[in-house]
Amino acid sequence: MRIIVSEQGGEVEVSVRHGGGTYLLHFGRDGTPAHSTLEGQRQRFFPPRVYAEARLALGVYLSTRPVDTS
């Protein structure tokens, strides 16, 4: 499993490679879910481990990024 976290505009994107696919999960800067895709297709359900790992990576990212005071 490979996880990459990056900011895309007003969202935080978490990319998870798992089981031969790449899952892209998008969250607001406050951690609320935005929309999620599997290789460009909207998906309702993700493997539980993928979602859990993405949420964990998001939590670490949000807790270590500088506070936006603007």
Protein backbone atom coordinates (compact mmCIF):
# COMPACT_ATOMS: atom_id res chain seq x y z
CA MET A 1 0.00 0.00 0.00
CA ARG A 2 1.33 3.42 -0.99
CA ILE A 3 -0.23 6.64 0.29
CA ILE A 4 0.36 10.20 -0.92
CA VAL A 5 -1.32 13.26 0.61
CA SER A 6 -1.41 16.61 -1.19
CA GLU A 7 -3.50 19.77 -1.29
CA GLN A 8 -5.48 20.50 -4.43
CA GLY A 9 -7.08 23.94 -4.24
CA GLY A 10 -9.41 23.94 -1.25
CA GLU A 11 -9.26 20.17 -0.80
CA VAL A 12 -6.82 17.61 0.54
CA GLU A 13 -6.32 14.64 -1.80
CA VAL A 14 -5.27 11.25 -0.43
CA SER A 15 -4.07 8.79 -3.08
CA VAL A 16 -3.95 5.14 -2.00
CA ARG A 17 -2.50 2.39 -4.22
CA HIS A 18 -3.88 -0.95 -3.11
CA GLY A 19 -4.79 -4.24 -4.76
CA GLY A 20 -3.87 -3.16 -8.28
CA GLY A 21 -5.94 0.03 -8.16
CA THR A 22 -5.43 3.65 -7.20
CA TYR A 23 -8.06 5.20 -4.95
CA LEU A 24 -8.34 8.99 -4.76
CA LEU A 25 -10.15 10.32 -1.72
CA HIS A 26 -10.86 14.04 -1.39
CA PHE A 27 -11.48 15.85 1.88
CA GLY A 28 -12.05 19.44 2.89
CA ARG A 29 -9.31 21.17 4.86
CA ASP A 30 -11.35 20.44 7.98
CA GLY A 31 -11.27 16.69 7.26
CA THR A 32 -14.84 16.30 6.03
CA PRO A 33 -15.24 14.00 3.01
CA ALA A 34 -15.64 15.74 -0.35
CA HIS A 35 -15.80 13.17 -3.16
CA SER A 36 -13.85 10.02 -3.89
CA THR A 37 -12.88 8.20 -7.05
CA LEU A 38 -11.34 4.95 -8.19
CA GLU A 39 -9.20 5.68 -11.25
CA GLY A 40 -11.53 8.48 -12.34
CA GLN A 41 -14.83 6.73 -11.60
CA ARG A 42 -17.05 7.79 -8.70
CA GLN A 43 -17.37 5.01 -6.16
CA ARG A 44 -19.71 4.63 -3.21
CA PHE A 45 -17.70 2.02 -1.37
CA PHE A 46 -14.01 1.51 -0.76
CA PRO A 47 -12.28 -1.45 0.84
CA PRO A 48 -12.39 -0.73 4.60
CA ARG A 49 -8.60 -0.87 4.90
CA VAL A 50 -8.14 1.71 2.13
CA TYR A 51 -10.55 4.14 3.79
CA ALA A 52 -9.04 3.57 7.25
CA GLU A 53 -5.48 4.14 6.00
CA ALA A 54 -6.57 7.25 4.08
CA ARG A 55 -8.27 8.72 7.16
CA LEU A 56 -5.18 7.98 9.27
CA ALA A 57 -2.89 9.67 6.73
CA LEU A 58 -5.28 12.63 6.52
CA GLY A 59 -5.27 13.01 10.31
CA VAL A 60 -1.48 13.04 10.44
CA TYR A 61 -1.29 15.52 7.57
CA LEU A 62 -3.84 17.91 9.05
CA SER A 63 -2.24 17.79 12.50
CA THR A 64 1.22 18.66 11.16
CA ARG A 65 0.43 21.33 8.57
CA PRO A 66 0.77 25.02 9.46
CA VAL A 67 -2.36 26.71 10.80
CA ASP A 68 -4.03 28.97 8.23
CA THR A 69 -4.82 32.26 9.99
CA SER A 70 -6.18 34.10 6.94
